[in-house]
Amino acid sequence: MLAKRLPSILPTLTAEESIETTRIYSSLGRLKPGQPLEDRTVTISRALRSTTFPANFMLVAALNPCPCGFRTDPRRSCSCSPRQIERYMARISGPLLDRIDIHIEVPAVPFQELS
């Protein structure tokens, strides 16, 4: 939900940023080129040449606390073993996880409260 709302709270792109974004998107189609976390650039190399594009972005990520999704839920009990939880959490790249600045645990909300 946060990822869907993020564009509405960010400032509008300038004309230059919009053209830059469109150029990157059109050169890649729908493919995602790597993880430009520190350098804020993406370099795409092909047989005869290499091109570098700017890639300053904000990443919003979400995951369940365990495979079944109920590890921290006060109303339902988790059916996962400690080993299953460990394997599940190990799927997240350590270097990527180290670069996520804000970690927020969001408890499940009963359907009645949402509707």
PDB file of N, CA and C in Angstrom:
ATOM      1  N   MET A   1       0.832  -1.184   0.000  1.00  0.00           N
ATOM      2  CA  MET A   1       0.000   0.000   0.000  1.00  0.00           C
ATOM      3  C   MET A   1       0.883   1.256   0.000  1.00  0.00           C
ATOM      4  N   LEU A   2       1.954   1.239   0.795  1.00  0.00           N
ATOM      5  CA  LEU A   2       2.849   2.391   0.844  1.00  0.00           C
ATOM      6  C   LEU A   2       3.473   2.661  -0.526  1.00  0.00           C
ATOM      7  N   ALA A   3       3.889   1.594  -1.207  1.00  0.00           N
ATOM      8  CA  ALA A   3       4.507   1.774  -2.522  1.00  0.00           C
ATOM      9  C   ALA A   3       3.540   2.419  -3.506  1.00  0.00           C
ATOM     10  N   LYS A   4       2.254   2.094  -3.413  1.00  0.00           N
ATOM     11  CA  LYS A   4       1.266   2.695  -4.312  1.00  0.00           C
ATOM     12  C   LYS A   4       1.041   4.168  -3.987  1.00  0.00           C
ATOM     13  N   ARG A   5       1.176   4.552  -2.735  1.00  0.00           N
ATOM     14  CA  ARG A   5       0.918   5.930  -2.325  1.00  0.00           C
ATOM     15  C   ARG A   5       2.138   6.835  -2.475  1.00  0.00           C
ATOM     16  N   LEU A   6       3.320   6.250  -2.539  1.00  0.00           N
ATOM     17  CA  LEU A   6       4.552   7.021  -2.583  1.00  0.00           C
ATOM     18  C   LEU A   6       4.571   8.072  -3.699  1.00  0.00           C
ATOM     19  N   PRO A   7       4.170   7.749  -4.933  1.00  0.00           N
ATOM     20  CA  PRO A   7       4.190   8.774  -5.977  1.00  0.00           C
ATOM     21  C   PRO A   7       3.338  10.003  -5.652  1.00  0.00           C
ATOM     22  N   SER A   8       2.291   9.831  -4.859  1.00  0.00           N
ATOM     23  CA  SER A   8       1.432  10.970  -4.552  1.00  0.00           C
ATOM     24  C   SER A   8       2.038  11.922  -3.527  1.00  0.00           C
ATOM     25  N   ILE A   9       3.060  11.483  -2.779  1.00  0.00           N
ATOM     26  CA  ILE A   9       3.683  12.375  -1.795  1.00  0.00           C
ATOM     27  C   ILE A   9       5.036  12.905  -2.247  1.00  0.00           C
ATOM     28  N   LEU A  10       5.544  12.367  -3.363  1.00  0.00           N
ATOM     29  CA  LEU A  10       6.812  12.857  -3.894  1.00  0.00           C
ATOM     30  C   LEU A  10       6.569  14.093  -4.742  1.00  0.00           C
ATOM     31  N   PRO A  11       7.578  14.968  -4.851  1.00  0.00           N
ATOM     32  CA  PRO A  11       7.403  16.146  -5.702  1.00  0.00           C
ATOM     33  C   PRO A  11       7.285  15.739  -7.170  1.00  0.00           C
ATOM     34  N   THR A  12       6.644  16.579  -7.951  1.00  0.00           N
ATOM     35  CA  THR A  12       6.492  16.334  -9.382  1.00  0.00           C
ATOM     36  C   THR A  12       7.861  16.387 -10.051  1.00  0.00           C
ATOM     37  N   LEU A  13       8.079  15.501 -11.034  1.00  0.00           N
ATOM     38  CA  LEU A  13       9.342  15.512 -11.764  1.00  0.00           C
ATOM     39  C   LEU A  13       9.482  16.799 -12.562  1.00  0.00           C
ATOM     40  N   THR A  14      10.710  17.313 -12.628  1.00  0.00           N
ATOM     41  CA  THR A  14      10.962  18.449 -13.512  1.00  0.00           C
ATOM     42  C   THR A  14      10.926  17.932 -14.947  1.00  0.00           C
ATOM     43  N   ALA A  15      10.882  18.837 -15.918  1.00  0.00           N
ATOM     44  CA  ALA A  15      10.869  18.425 -17.325  1.00  0.00           C
ATOM     45  C   ALA A  15      12.115  17.606 -17.646  1.00  0.00           C
ATOM     46  N   GLU A  16      13.269  18.028 -17.137  1.00  0.00           N
ATOM     47  CA  GLU A  16      14.525  17.307 -17.375  1.00  0.00           C
ATOM     48  C   GLU A  16      14.488  15.899 -16.760  1.00  0.00           C
ATOM     49  N   GLU A  17      13.981  15.786 -15.528  1.00  0.00           N
ATOM     50  CA  GLU A  17      13.876  14.467 -14.870  1.00  0.00           C
ATOM     51  C   GLU A  17      12.906  13.560 -15.612  1.00  0.00           C
ATOM     52  N   SER A  18      11.825  14.129 -16.097  1.00  0.00           N
ATOM     53  CA  SER A  18      10.835  13.351 -16.830  1.00  0.00           C
ATOM     54  C   SER A  18      11.418  12.794 -18.131  1.00  0.00           C
ATOM     55  N   ILE A  19      12.149  13.620 -18.861  1.00  0.00           N
ATOM     56  CA  ILE A  19      12.791  13.172 -20.102  1.00  0.00           C
ATOM     57  C   ILE A  19      13.828  12.100 -19.805  1.00  0.00           C
ATOM     58  N   GLU A  20      14.602  12.305 -18.751  1.00  0.00           N
ATOM     59  CA  GLU A  20      15.625  11.339 -18.345  1.00  0.00           C
ATOM     60  C   GLU A  20      15.002   9.991 -18.006  1.00  0.00           C
ATOM     61  N   THR A  21      13.910  10.022 -17.251  1.00  0.00           N
ATOM     62  CA  THR A  21      13.210   8.798 -16.870  1.00  0.00           C
ATOM     63  C   THR A  21      12.631   8.096 -18.090  1.00  0.00           C
ATOM     64  N   THR A  22      12.028   8.850 -18.975  1.00  0.00           N
ATOM     65  CA  THR A  22      11.451   8.277 -20.197  1.00  0.00           C
ATOM     66  C   THR A  22      12.525   7.648 -21.063  1.00  0.00           C
ATOM     67  N   ARG A  23      13.674   8.312 -21.163  1.00  0.00           N
ATOM     68  CA  ARG A  23      14.774   7.784 -21.975  1.00  0.00           C
ATOM     69  C   ARG A  23      15.266   6.449 -21.407  1.00  0.00           C
ATOM     70  N   ILE A  24      15.413   6.372 -20.099  1.00  0.00           N
ATOM     71  CA  ILE A  24      15.861   5.125 -19.463  1.00  0.00           C
ATOM     72  C   ILE A  24      14.828   4.029 -19.681  1.00  0.00           C
ATOM     73  N   TYR A  25      13.566   4.353 -19.431  1.00  0.00           N
ATOM     74  CA  TYR A  25      12.511   3.353 -19.579  1.00  0.00           C
ATOM     75  C   TYR A  25      12.448   2.838 -21.017  1.00  0.00           C
ATOM     76  N   SER A  26      12.508   3.740 -21.987  1.00  0.00           N
ATOM     77  CA  SER A  26      12.384   3.307 -23.383  1.00  0.00           C
ATOM     78  C   SER A  26      13.589   2.499 -23.835  1.00  0.00           C
ATOM     79  N   SER A  27      14.761   2.774 -23.291  1.00  0.00           N
ATOM     80  CA  SER A  27      15.942   2.010 -23.691  1.00  0.00           C
ATOM     81  C   SER A  27      15.931   0.603 -23.111  1.00  0.00           C
ATOM     82  N   LEU A  28      15.172   0.398 -22.050  1.00  0.00           N
ATOM     83  CA  LEU A  28      15.157  -0.893 -21.369  1.00  0.00           C
ATOM     84  C   LEU A  28      13.885  -1.693 -21.580  1.00  0.00           C
ATOM     85  N   GLY A  29      12.882  -1.104 -22.169  1.00  0.00           N
ATOM     86  CA  GLY A  29      11.603  -1.801 -22.242  1.00  0.00           C
ATOM     87  C   GLY A  29      11.082  -1.957 -20.825  1.00  0.00           C
ATOM     88  N   ARG A  30      10.801  -3.175 -20.418  1.00  0.00           N
ATOM     89  CA  ARG A  30      10.316  -3.409 -19.055  1.00  0.00           C
ATOM     90  C   ARG A  30      11.340  -4.146 -18.198  1.00  0.00           C
ATOM     91  N   LEU A  31      12.570  -4.163 -18.621  1.00  0.00           N
ATOM     92  CA  LEU A  31      13.607  -4.869 -17.868  1.00  0.00           C
ATOM     93  C   LEU A  31      14.179  -3.973 -16.786  1.00  0.00           C
ATOM     94  N   LYS A  32      14.642  -4.581 -15.711  1.00  0.00           N
ATOM     95  CA  LYS A  32      15.215  -3.830 -14.596  1.00  0.00           C
ATOM     96  C   LYS A  32      16.724  -4.044 -14.582  1.00  0.00           C
ATOM     97  N   PRO A  33      17.532  -2.990 -14.666  1.00  0.00           N
ATOM     98  CA  PRO A  33      18.976  -3.139 -14.785  1.00  0.00           C
ATOM     99  C   PRO A  33      19.754  -3.057 -13.475  1.00  0.00           C
ATOM    100  N   GLY A  34      19.854  -4.099 -12.722  1.00  0.00           N
ATOM    101  CA  GLY A  34      20.757  -4.135 -11.572  1.00  0.00           C
ATOM    102  C   GLY A  34      20.296  -3.333 -10.376  1.00  0.00           C
ATOM    103  N   GLN A  35      21.217  -3.113  -9.442  1.00  0.00           N
ATOM    104  CA  GLN A  35      20.898  -2.387  -8.203  1.00  0.00           C
ATOM    105  C   GLN A  35      21.884  -1.259  -7.987  1.00  0.00           C
ATOM    106  N   PRO A  36      21.572  -0.055  -8.457  1.00  0.00           N
ATOM    107  CA  PRO A  36      22.482   1.086  -8.362  1.00  0.00           C
ATOM    108  C   PRO A  36      22.350   1.813  -7.032  1.00  0.00           C
ATOM    109  N   LEU A  37      22.785   1.199  -5.957  1.00  0.00           N
ATOM    110  CA  LEU A  37      22.494   1.755  -4.647  1.00  0.00           C
ATOM    111  C   LEU A  37      23.425   2.896  -4.232  1.00  0.00           C
ATOM    112  N   GLU A  38      24.707   2.736  -4.346  1.00  0.00           N
ATOM    113  CA  GLU A  38      25.615   3.781  -3.894  1.00  0.00           C
ATOM    114  C   GLU A  38      25.985   4.776  -4.988  1.00  0.00           C
ATOM    115  N   ASP A  39      26.227   4.274  -6.187  1.00  0.00           N
ATOM    116  CA  ASP A  39      26.692   5.138  -7.270  1.00  0.00           C
ATOM    117  C   ASP A  39      25.584   5.953  -7.905  1.00  0.00           C
ATOM    118  N   ARG A  40      24.351   5.543  -7.698  1.00  0.00           N
ATOM    119  CA  ARG A  40      23.187   6.217  -8.286  1.00  0.00           C
ATOM    120  C   ARG A  40      23.257   6.254  -9.809  1.00  0.00           C
ATOM    121  N   THR A  41      23.848   5.208 -10.377  1.00  0.00           N
ATOM    122  CA  THR A  41      23.900   5.064 -11.823  1.00  0.00           C
ATOM    123  C   THR A  41      23.702   3.602 -12.188  1.00  0.00           C
ATOM    124  N   VAL A  42      23.255   3.396 -13.430  1.00  0.00           N
ATOM    125  CA  VAL A  42      23.137   2.051 -13.980  1.00  0.00           C
ATOM    126  C   VAL A  42      23.942   2.053 -15.266  1.00  0.00           C
ATOM    127  N   THR A  43      24.826   1.079 -15.413  1.00  0.00           N
ATOM    128  CA  THR A  43      25.598   0.959 -16.640  1.00  0.00           C
ATOM    129  C   THR A  43      25.136  -0.274 -17.382  1.00  0.00           C
ATOM    130  N   ILE A  44      24.754  -0.064 -18.635  1.00  0.00           N
ATOM    131  CA  ILE A  44      24.303  -1.168 -19.476  1.00  0.00           C
ATOM    132  C   ILE A  44      25.375  -1.394 -20.527  1.00  0.00           C
ATOM    133  N   SER A  45      25.923  -2.596 -20.548  1.00  0.00           N
ATOM    134  CA  SER A  45      26.983  -2.934 -21.492  1.00  0.00           C
ATOM    135  C   SER A  45      26.463  -3.916 -22.517  1.00  0.00           C
ATOM    136  N   ARG A  46      26.743  -3.625 -23.761  1.00  0.00           N
ATOM    137  CA  ARG A  46      26.409  -4.518 -24.861  1.00  0.00           C
ATOM    138  C   ARG A  46      27.703  -4.838 -25.594  1.00  0.00           C
ATOM    139  N   ALA A  47      27.611  -5.550 -26.679  1.00  0.00           N
ATOM    140  CA  ALA A  47      28.800  -6.039 -27.397  1.00  0.00           C
ATOM    141  C   ALA A  47      29.799  -4.924 -27.731  1.00  0.00           C
ATOM    142  N   LEU A  48      29.338  -3.814 -28.270  1.00  0.00           N
ATOM    143  CA  LEU A  48      30.268  -2.800 -28.760  1.00  0.00           C
ATOM    144  C   LEU A  48      30.343  -1.525 -27.926  1.00  0.00           C
ATOM    145  N   ARG A  49      29.419  -1.328 -27.036  1.00  0.00           N
ATOM    146  CA  ARG A  49      29.474  -0.089 -26.256  1.00  0.00           C
ATOM    147  C   ARG A  49      28.812  -0.237 -24.906  1.00  0.00           C
ATOM    148  N   SER A  50      29.055   0.756 -24.072  1.00  0.00           N
ATOM    149  CA  SER A  50      28.522   0.778 -22.723  1.00  0.00           C
ATOM    150  C   SER A  50      27.932   2.162 -22.479  1.00  0.00           C
ATOM    151  N   THR A  51      26.766   2.216 -21.849  1.00  0.00           N
ATOM    152  CA  THR A  51      26.101   3.492 -21.576  1.00  0.00           C
ATOM    153  C   THR A  51      25.722   3.552 -20.106  1.00  0.00           C
ATOM    154  N   THR A  52      25.930   4.698 -19.501  1.00  0.00           N
ATOM    155  CA  THR A  52      25.593   4.889 -18.096  1.00  0.00           C
ATOM    156  C   THR A  52      24.418   5.857 -17.991  1.00  0.00           C
ATOM    157  N   PHE A  53      23.418   5.461 -17.201  1.00  0.00           N
ATOM    158  CA  PHE A  53      22.235   6.283 -16.973  1.00  0.00           C
ATOM    159  C   PHE A  53      22.138   6.635 -15.494  1.00  0.00           C
ATOM    160  N   PRO A  54      21.579   7.796 -15.163  1.00  0.00           N
ATOM    161  CA  PRO A  54      21.364   8.131 -13.749  1.00  0.00           C
ATOM    162  C   PRO A  54      20.278   7.232 -13.167  1.00  0.00           C
ATOM    163  N   ALA A  55      20.413   6.881 -11.902  1.00  0.00           N
ATOM    164  CA  ALA A  55      19.424   6.002 -11.265  1.00  0.00           C
ATOM    165  C   ALA A  55      19.331   6.305  -9.780  1.00  0.00           C
ATOM    166  N   ASN A  56      18.904   7.496  -9.454  1.00  0.00           N
ATOM    167  CA  ASN A  56      18.694   7.883  -8.061  1.00  0.00           C
ATOM    168  C   ASN A  56      17.237   7.568  -7.740  1.00  0.00           C
ATOM    169  N   PHE A  57      16.983   6.628  -6.842  1.00  0.00           N
ATOM    170  CA  PHE A  57      15.620   6.188  -6.609  1.00  0.00           C
ATOM    171  C   PHE A  57      15.375   5.882  -5.140  1.00  0.00           C
ATOM    172  N   MET A  58      14.103   5.708  -4.823  1.00  0.00           N
ATOM    173  CA  MET A  58      13.691   5.310  -3.480  1.00  0.00           C
ATOM    174  C   MET A  58      13.058   3.929  -3.588  1.00  0.00           C
ATOM    175  N   LEU A  59      13.540   2.995  -2.777  1.00  0.00           N
ATOM    176  CA  LEU A  59      13.021   1.629  -2.805  1.00  0.00           C
ATOM    177  C   LEU A  59      12.068   1.421  -1.631  1.00  0.00           C
ATOM    178  N   VAL A  60      10.886   0.894  -1.924  1.00  0.00           N
ATOM    179  CA  VAL A  60       9.937   0.508  -0.887  1.00  0.00           C
ATOM    180  C   VAL A  60       9.750  -0.989  -1.026  1.00  0.00           C
ATOM    181  N   ALA A  61      10.020  -1.723   0.031  1.00  0.00           N
ATOM    182  CA  ALA A  61       9.933  -3.184  -0.022  1.00  0.00           C
ATOM    183  C   ALA A  61       9.057  -3.691   1.118  1.00  0.00           C
ATOM    184  N   ALA A  62       8.465  -4.851   0.912  1.00  0.00           N
ATOM    185  CA  ALA A  62       7.618  -5.455   1.944  1.00  0.00           C
ATOM    186  C   ALA A  62       7.824  -6.959   1.927  1.00  0.00           C
ATOM    187  N   LEU A  63       7.673  -7.584   3.087  1.00  0.00           N
ATOM    188  CA  LEU A  63       7.729  -9.038   3.172  1.00  0.00           C
ATOM    189  C   LEU A  63       6.961  -9.505   4.392  1.00  0.00           C
ATOM    190  N   ASN A  64       6.557 -10.760   4.359  1.00  0.00           N
ATOM    191  CA  ASN A  64       5.877 -11.359   5.507  1.00  0.00           C
ATOM    192  C   ASN A  64       6.917 -11.731   6.557  1.00  0.00           C
ATOM    193  N   PRO A  65       6.521 -11.862   7.819  1.00  0.00           N
ATOM    194  CA  PRO A  65       7.479 -12.199   8.875  1.00  0.00           C
ATOM    195  C   PRO A  65       7.941 -13.659   8.826  1.00  0.00           C
ATOM    196  N   CYS A  66       7.249 -14.490   8.051  1.00  0.00           N
ATOM    197  CA  CYS A  66       7.596 -15.905   7.921  1.00  0.00           C
ATOM    198  C   CYS A  66       6.829 -16.460   6.712  1.00  0.00           C
ATOM    199  N   PRO A  67       7.098 -17.703   6.298  1.00  0.00           N
ATOM    200  CA  PRO A  67       6.387 -18.250   5.132  1.00  0.00           C
ATOM    201  C   PRO A  67       4.858 -18.264   5.265  1.00  0.00           C
ATOM    202  N   CYS A  68       4.335 -18.579   6.443  1.00  0.00           N
ATOM    203  CA  CYS A  68       2.871 -18.623   6.590  1.00  0.00           C
ATOM    204  C   CYS A  68       2.282 -17.226   6.822  1.00  0.00           C
ATOM    205  N   GLY A  69       3.104 -16.281   7.264  1.00  0.00           N
ATOM    206  CA  GLY A  69       2.659 -14.910   7.459  1.00  0.00           C
ATOM    207  C   GLY A  69       2.090 -14.578   8.825  1.00  0.00           C
ATOM    208  N   PHE A  70       2.093 -15.527   9.756  1.00  0.00           N
ATOM    209  CA  PHE A  70       1.444 -15.293  11.055  1.00  0.00           C
ATOM    210  C   PHE A  70       2.395 -15.223  12.239  1.00  0.00           C
ATOM    211  N   ARG A  71       3.700 -15.128  12.020  1.00  0.00           N
ATOM    212  CA  ARG A  71       4.668 -15.172  13.127  1.00  0.00           C
ATOM    213  C   ARG A  71       4.422 -14.110  14.191  1.00  0.00           C
ATOM    214  N   THR A  72       4.042 -12.924  13.825  1.00  0.00           N
ATOM    215  CA  THR A  72       3.833 -11.847  14.814  1.00  0.00           C
ATOM    216  C   THR A  72       2.363 -11.511  15.017  1.00  0.00           C
ATOM    217  N   ASP A  73       1.476 -12.322  14.462  1.00  0.00           N
ATOM    218  CA  ASP A  73       0.040 -12.058  14.557  1.00  0.00           C
ATOM    219  C   ASP A  73      -0.492 -12.525  15.912  1.00  0.00           C
ATOM    220  N   PRO A  74      -1.110 -11.627  16.697  1.00  0.00           N
ATOM    221  CA  PRO A  74      -1.617 -12.036  18.008  1.00  0.00           C
ATOM    222  C   PRO A  74      -2.879 -12.903  17.936  1.00  0.00           C
ATOM    223  N   ARG A  75      -3.564 -12.912  16.788  1.00  0.00           N
ATOM    224  CA  ARG A  75      -4.807 -13.673  16.677  1.00  0.00           C
ATOM    225  C   ARG A  75      -4.638 -15.058  16.058  1.00  0.00           C
ATOM    226  N   ARG A  76      -3.548 -15.296  15.355  1.00  0.00           N
ATOM    227  CA  ARG A  76      -3.320 -16.596  14.703  1.00  0.00           C
ATOM    228  C   ARG A  76      -1.924 -17.081  15.048  1.00  0.00           C
ATOM    229  N   SER A  77      -1.781 -18.376  15.177  1.00  0.00           N
ATOM    230  CA  SER A  77      -0.458 -18.904  15.533  1.00  0.00           C
ATOM    231  C   SER A  77       0.310 -19.303  14.272  1.00  0.00           C
ATOM    232  N   CYS A  78       1.598 -19.101  14.330  1.00  0.00           N
ATOM    233  CA  CYS A  78       2.500 -19.409  13.225  1.00  0.00           C
ATOM    234  C   CYS A  78       2.725 -20.919  13.164  1.00  0.00           C
ATOM    235  N   SER A  79       2.703 -21.455  11.950  1.00  0.00           N
ATOM    236  CA  SER A  79       2.915 -22.893  11.772  1.00  0.00           C
ATOM    237  C   SER A  79       4.320 -23.202  11.255  1.00  0.00           C
ATOM    238  N   CYS A  80       5.192 -22.216  11.199  1.00  0.00           N
ATOM    239  CA  CYS A  80       6.538 -22.389  10.647  1.00  0.00           C
ATOM    240  C   CYS A  80       7.533 -22.820  11.727  1.00  0.00           C
ATOM    241  N   SER A  81       8.459 -23.652  11.340  1.00  0.00           N
ATOM    242  CA  SER A  81       9.538 -24.046  12.249  1.00  0.00           C
ATOM    243  C   SER A  81      10.602 -22.949  12.237  1.00  0.00           C
ATOM    244  N   PRO A  82      11.431 -22.884  13.276  1.00  0.00           N
ATOM    245  CA  PRO A  82      12.517 -21.890  13.276  1.00  0.00           C
ATOM    246  C   PRO A  82      13.407 -22.013  12.032  1.00  0.00           C
ATOM    247  N   ARG A  83      13.654 -23.230  11.587  1.00  0.00           N
ATOM    248  CA  ARG A  83      14.482 -23.439  10.391  1.00  0.00           C
ATOM    249  C   ARG A  83      13.800 -22.873   9.140  1.00  0.00           C
ATOM    250  N   GLN A  84      12.485 -23.058   9.009  1.00  0.00           N
ATOM    251  CA  GLN A  84      11.756 -22.502   7.868  1.00  0.00           C
ATOM    252  C   GLN A  84      11.836 -20.973   7.861  1.00  0.00           C
ATOM    253  N   ILE A  85      11.691 -20.378   9.039  1.00  0.00           N
ATOM    254  CA  ILE A  85      11.766 -18.914   9.153  1.00  0.00           C
ATOM    255  C   ILE A  85      13.167 -18.433   8.795  1.00  0.00           C
ATOM    256  N   GLU A  86      14.167 -19.148   9.280  1.00  0.00           N
ATOM    257  CA  GLU A  86      15.557 -18.794   8.989  1.00  0.00           C
ATOM    258  C   GLU A  86      15.831 -18.859   7.480  1.00  0.00           C
ATOM    259  N   ARG A  87      15.382 -19.921   6.831  1.00  0.00           N
ATOM    260  CA  ARG A  87      15.571 -20.071   5.379  1.00  0.00           C
ATOM    261  C   ARG A  87      14.818 -18.979   4.617  1.00  0.00           C
ATOM    262  N   TYR A  88      13.622 -18.680   5.070  1.00  0.00           N
ATOM    263  CA  TYR A  88      12.803 -17.641   4.437  1.00  0.00           C
ATOM    264  C   TYR A  88      13.505 -16.279   4.516  1.00  0.00           C
ATOM    265  N   MET A  89      13.993 -15.930   5.683  1.00  0.00           N
ATOM    266  CA  MET A  89      14.656 -14.641   5.865  1.00  0.00           C
ATOM    267  C   MET A  89      16.000 -14.586   5.140  1.00  0.00           C
ATOM    268  N   ALA A  90      16.652 -15.723   4.969  1.00  0.00           N
ATOM    269  CA  ALA A  90      17.949 -15.770   4.277  1.00  0.00           C
ATOM    270  C   ALA A  90      17.806 -15.498   2.790  1.00  0.00           C
ATOM    271  N   ARG A  91      16.596 -15.552   2.276  1.00  0.00           N
ATOM    272  CA  ARG A  91      16.372 -15.277   0.850  1.00  0.00           C
ATOM    273  C   ARG A  91      16.611 -13.805   0.514  1.00  0.00           C
ATOM    274  N   ILE A  92      16.584 -12.950   1.521  1.00  0.00           N
ATOM    275  CA  ILE A  92      16.841 -11.530   1.311  1.00  0.00           C
ATOM    276  C   ILE A  92      18.344 -11.320   1.337  1.00  0.00           C
ATOM    277  N   SER A  93      18.858 -10.688   0.326  1.00  0.00           N
ATOM    278  CA  SER A  93      20.288 -10.427   0.235  1.00  0.00           C
ATOM    279  C   SER A  93      20.742  -9.565   1.420  1.00  0.00           C
ATOM    280  N   GLY A  94      21.747 -10.023   2.139  1.00  0.00           N
ATOM    281  CA  GLY A  94      22.299  -9.258   3.261  1.00  0.00           C
ATOM    282  C   GLY A  94      22.734  -7.861   2.859  1.00  0.00           C
ATOM    283  N   PRO A  95      23.509  -7.714   1.764  1.00  0.00           N
ATOM    284  CA  PRO A  95      23.919  -6.365   1.346  1.00  0.00           C
ATOM    285  C   PRO A  95      22.734  -5.464   1.011  1.00  0.00           C
ATOM    286  N   LEU A  96      21.689  -6.020   0.423  1.00  0.00           N
ATOM    287  CA  LEU A  96      20.501  -5.208   0.128  1.00  0.00           C
ATOM    288  C   LEU A  96      19.802  -4.820   1.425  1.00  0.00           C
ATOM    289  N   LEU A  97      19.623  -5.769   2.321  1.00  0.00           N
ATOM    290  CA  LEU A  97      18.962  -5.503   3.598  1.00  0.00           C
ATOM    291  C   LEU A  97      19.723  -4.455   4.411  1.00  0.00           C
ATOM    292  N   ASP A  98      21.048  -4.464   4.335  1.00  0.00           N
ATOM    293  CA  ASP A  98      21.868  -3.479   5.047  1.00  0.00           C
ATOM    294  C   ASP A  98      21.616  -2.055   4.567  1.00  0.00           C
ATOM    295  N   ARG A  99      21.129  -1.904   3.351  1.00  0.00           N
ATOM    296  CA  ARG A  99      20.928  -0.576   2.782  1.00  0.00           C
ATOM    297  C   ARG A  99      19.512  -0.046   2.980  1.00  0.00           C
ATOM    298  N   ILE A 100      18.653  -0.828   3.582  1.00  0.00           N
ATOM    299  CA  ILE A 100      17.299  -0.358   3.872  1.00  0.00           C
ATOM    300  C   ILE A 100      17.348   0.379   5.207  1.00  0.00           C
ATOM    301  N   ASP A 101      17.031   1.668   5.162  1.00  0.00           N
ATOM    302  CA  ASP A 101      17.209   2.534   6.329  1.00  0.00           C
ATOM    303  C   ASP A 101      16.094   2.447   7.359  1.00  0.00           C
ATOM    304  N   ILE A 102      14.869   2.227   6.916  1.00  0.00           N
ATOM    305  CA  ILE A 102      13.739   2.222   7.838  1.00  0.00           C
ATOM    306  C   ILE A 102      13.063   0.865   7.778  1.00  0.00           C
ATOM    307  N   HIS A 103      12.941   0.225   8.917  1.00  0.00           N
ATOM    308  CA  HIS A 103      12.249  -1.060   9.019  1.00  0.00           C
ATOM    309  C   HIS A 103      11.053  -0.858   9.944  1.00  0.00           C
ATOM    310  N   ILE A 104       9.859  -1.128   9.448  1.00  0.00           N
ATOM    311  CA  ILE A 104       8.650  -0.942  10.242  1.00  0.00           C
ATOM    312  C   ILE A 104       7.857  -2.238  10.229  1.00  0.00           C
ATOM    313  N   GLU A 105       7.525  -2.733  11.406  1.00  0.00           N
ATOM    314  CA  GLU A 105       6.671  -3.913  11.494  1.00  0.00           C
ATOM    315  C   GLU A 105       5.226  -3.442  11.573  1.00  0.00           C
ATOM    316  N   VAL A 106       4.419  -3.901  10.641  1.00  0.00           N
ATOM    317  CA  VAL A 106       3.020  -3.487  10.581  1.00  0.00           C
ATOM    318  C   VAL A 106       2.153  -4.683  10.941  1.00  0.00           C
ATOM    319  N   PRO A 107       1.412  -4.603  12.040  1.00  0.00           N
ATOM    320  CA  PRO A 107       0.576  -5.743  12.434  1.00  0.00           C
ATOM    321  C   PRO A 107      -0.607  -5.926  11.483  1.00  0.00           C
ATOM    322  N   ALA A 108      -1.115  -7.143  11.421  1.00  0.00           N
ATOM    323  CA  ALA A 108      -2.291  -7.423  10.598  1.00  0.00           C
ATOM    324  C   ALA A 108      -3.490  -6.650  11.154  1.00  0.00           C
ATOM    325  N   VAL A 109      -4.319  -6.175  10.250  1.00  0.00           N
ATOM    326  CA  VAL A 109      -5.531  -5.450  10.644  1.00  0.00           C
ATOM    327  C   VAL A 109      -6.725  -6.324  10.300  1.00  0.00           C
ATOM    328  N   PRO A 110      -7.636  -6.550  11.256  1.00  0.00           N
ATOM    329  CA  PRO A 110      -8.816  -7.374  10.974  1.00  0.00           C
ATOM    330  C   PRO A 110      -9.624  -6.788   9.819  1.00  0.00           C
ATOM    331  N   PHE A 111     -10.199  -7.652   9.011  1.00  0.00           N
ATOM    332  CA  PHE A 111     -10.959  -7.224   7.825  1.00  0.00           C
ATOM    333  C   PHE A 111     -12.072  -6.251   8.197  1.00  0.00           C
ATOM    334  N   GLN A 112     -12.743  -6.491   9.316  1.00  0.00           N
ATOM    335  CA  GLN A 112     -13.843  -5.619   9.739  1.00  0.00           C
ATOM    336  C   GLN A 112     -13.369  -4.173   9.929  1.00  0.00           C
ATOM    337  N   GLU A 113     -12.160  -3.999  10.417  1.00  0.00           N
ATOM    338  CA  GLU A 113     -11.625  -2.647  10.608  1.00  0.00           C
ATOM    339  C   GLU A 113     -11.278  -1.985   9.281  1.00  0.00           C
ATOM    340  N   LEU A 114     -10.886  -2.786   8.296  1.00  0.00           N
ATOM    341  CA  LEU A 114     -10.558  -2.238   6.986  1.00  0.00           C
ATOM    342  C   LEU A 114     -11.807  -1.861   6.195  1.00  0.00           C
ATOM    343  N   SER A 115     -12.859  -2.650   6.358  1.00  0.00           N
ATOM    344  CA  SER A 115     -14.087  -2.386   5.600  1.00  0.00           C
ATOM    345  C   SER A 115     -14.946  -1.390   6.347  1.00  0.00           C
TER     346      SER A 115
END
